[in-house]
């Protein structure tokens, strides 16, 4: 579960997540359920193309809180 993960092992945000996927640095993706559909599609396509497991989190606000930031987050990546 994400809440048991050290924040040192996380990248938060969609741009950083997509860059990390492209760089083969990701062990798992966490994706908020309520993000924009085009962004969700782009991230899920990258995840599927790279065989990366993912977990859906209820909302952007919850994902941000779990990641230890004061703003919402669309996605987060657990690094290898």
C-alpha atoms as a PDB file:
ATOM      1  CA  UNK A   1       0.000   0.000   0.000  1.00  0.00           C
ATOM      2  CA  UNK A   2       1.128   3.514  -0.768  1.00  0.00           C
ATOM      3  CA  UNK A   3       0.811   4.805   2.818  1.00  0.00           C
ATOM      4  CA  UNK A   4       3.508   2.331   3.891  1.00  0.00           C
ATOM      5  CA  UNK A   5       5.984   3.657   1.313  1.00  0.00           C
ATOM      6  CA  UNK A   6       8.775   6.111   2.069  1.00  0.00           C
ATOM      7  CA  UNK A   7       8.316   9.460   0.325  1.00  0.00           C
ATOM      8  CA  UNK A   8      11.987   9.136  -0.745  1.00  0.00           C
ATOM      9  CA  UNK A   9      10.883   6.355  -3.094  1.00  0.00           C
ATOM     10  CA  UNK A  10       8.029   8.351  -4.673  1.00  0.00           C
ATOM     11  CA  UNK A  11       7.721  10.735  -7.555  1.00  0.00           C
ATOM     12  CA  UNK A  12       4.511  12.741  -7.404  1.00  0.00           C
ATOM     13  CA  UNK A  13       2.829  14.252 -10.433  1.00  0.00           C
ATOM     14  CA  UNK A  14       1.955  13.144 -13.929  1.00  0.00           C
ATOM     15  CA  UNK A  15       4.888  14.683 -15.801  1.00  0.00           C
ATOM     16  CA  UNK A  16       7.384  13.122 -13.394  1.00  0.00           C
ATOM     17  CA  UNK A  17       5.518   9.807 -13.489  1.00  0.00           C
ATOM     18  CA  UNK A  18       5.564   9.650 -17.296  1.00  0.00           C
ATOM     19  CA  UNK A  19       9.279  10.560 -17.398  1.00  0.00           C
ATOM     20  CA  UNK A  20      10.094   7.862 -14.856  1.00  0.00           C
ATOM     21  CA  UNK A  21       8.103   5.270 -16.830  1.00  0.00           C
ATOM     22  CA  UNK A  22       9.987   6.233 -20.000  1.00  0.00           C
ATOM     23  CA  UNK A  23      13.267   5.887 -18.077  1.00  0.00           C
ATOM     24  CA  UNK A  24      12.368   2.404 -16.792  1.00  0.00           C
ATOM     25  CA  UNK A  25      12.588   3.610 -13.170  1.00  0.00           C
ATOM     26  CA  UNK A  26       9.129   2.637 -11.934  1.00  0.00           C
ATOM     27  CA  UNK A  27       8.075  -0.331  -9.820  1.00  0.00           C
ATOM     28  CA  UNK A  28       4.386   0.652  -9.403  1.00  0.00           C
ATOM     29  CA  UNK A  29       2.023   3.503 -10.303  1.00  0.00           C
ATOM     30  CA  UNK A  30      -0.703   5.044  -8.155  1.00  0.00           C
ATOM     31  CA  UNK A  31      -3.424   6.800 -10.106  1.00  0.00           C
ATOM     32  CA  UNK A  32      -6.276   8.949  -8.801  1.00  0.00           C
ATOM     33  CA  UNK A  33      -9.712   7.860  -9.966  1.00  0.00           C
ATOM     34  CA  UNK A  34     -10.876  11.439 -10.669  1.00  0.00           C
ATOM     35  CA  UNK A  35      -8.208  12.670 -13.100  1.00  0.00           C
ATOM     36  CA  UNK A  36      -8.896  13.973 -16.605  1.00  0.00           C
ATOM     37  CA  UNK A  37      -9.612  11.160 -19.045  1.00  0.00           C
ATOM     38  CA  UNK A  38      -6.937  12.080 -21.647  1.00  0.00           C
ATOM     39  CA  UNK A  39      -4.258  12.096 -18.925  1.00  0.00           C
ATOM     40  CA  UNK A  40      -5.578   8.860 -17.434  1.00  0.00           C
ATOM     41  CA  UNK A  41      -5.472   7.236 -20.879  1.00  0.00           C
ATOM     42  CA  UNK A  42      -1.890   8.412 -21.486  1.00  0.00           C
ATOM     43  CA  UNK A  43      -0.631   7.096 -18.143  1.00  0.00           C
ATOM     44  CA  UNK A  44      -2.483   3.777 -18.425  1.00  0.00           C
ATOM     45  CA  UNK A  45      -1.147   3.282 -21.944  1.00  0.00           C
ATOM     46  CA  UNK A  46       2.424   3.844 -20.709  1.00  0.00           C
ATOM     47  CA  UNK A  47       1.811   1.498 -17.766  1.00  0.00           C
ATOM     48  CA  UNK A  48       0.392  -1.232 -20.003  1.00  0.00           C
ATOM     49  CA  UNK A  49       3.169  -0.878 -22.593  1.00  0.00           C
ATOM     50  CA  UNK A  50       5.785  -1.303 -19.853  1.00  0.00           C
ATOM     51  CA  UNK A  51       4.003  -3.995 -17.809  1.00  0.00           C
ATOM     52  CA  UNK A  52       3.952  -1.858 -14.658  1.00  0.00           C
ATOM     53  CA  UNK A  53       1.418  -2.694 -11.951  1.00  0.00           C
ATOM     54  CA  UNK A  54      -0.883   0.118 -10.872  1.00  0.00           C
ATOM     55  CA  UNK A  55      -3.332   0.901  -8.121  1.00  0.00           C
ATOM     56  CA  UNK A  56      -6.319   3.245  -8.290  1.00  0.00           C
ATOM     57  CA  UNK A  57      -6.732   5.710  -5.402  1.00  0.00           C
ATOM     58  CA  UNK A  58     -10.168   7.168  -4.661  1.00  0.00           C
ATOM     59  CA  UNK A  59      -9.325  10.835  -5.388  1.00  0.00           C
ATOM     60  CA  UNK A  60      -6.570  13.329  -6.244  1.00  0.00           C
ATOM     61  CA  UNK A  61      -6.939  14.865  -2.784  1.00  0.00           C
ATOM     62  CA  UNK A  62      -6.466  11.493  -1.090  1.00  0.00           C
ATOM     63  CA  UNK A  63      -3.443  10.663  -3.240  1.00  0.00           C
ATOM     64  CA  UNK A  64      -1.849  14.008  -2.408  1.00  0.00           C
ATOM     65  CA  UNK A  65      -2.475  13.479   1.302  1.00  0.00           C
ATOM     66  CA  UNK A  66      -1.046   9.956   1.223  1.00  0.00           C
ATOM     67  CA  UNK A  67       2.039  11.260  -0.621  1.00  0.00           C
ATOM     68  CA  UNK A  68       2.569  13.839   2.116  1.00  0.00           C
ATOM     69  CA  UNK A  69       1.894  16.949   0.047  1.00  0.00           C
ATOM     70  CA  UNK A  70      -0.585  19.764   0.700  1.00  0.00           C
ATOM     71  CA  UNK A  71      -2.106  19.711  -2.785  1.00  0.00           C
ATOM     72  CA  UNK A  72      -3.886  17.094  -4.847  1.00  0.00           C
ATOM     73  CA  UNK A  73      -1.968  14.664  -7.054  1.00  0.00           C
ATOM     74  CA  UNK A  74      -3.155  12.915 -10.197  1.00  0.00           C
ATOM     75  CA  UNK A  75      -0.502  10.209 -10.038  1.00  0.00           C
ATOM     76  CA  UNK A  76       2.544   8.983  -8.185  1.00  0.00           C
ATOM     77  CA  UNK A  77       5.277   6.524  -9.090  1.00  0.00           C
ATOM     78  CA  UNK A  78       7.033   4.123  -6.732  1.00  0.00           C
ATOM     79  CA  UNK A  79      10.641   3.958  -7.912  1.00  0.00           C
ATOM     80  CA  UNK A  80      12.718   0.811  -8.343  1.00  0.00           C
END
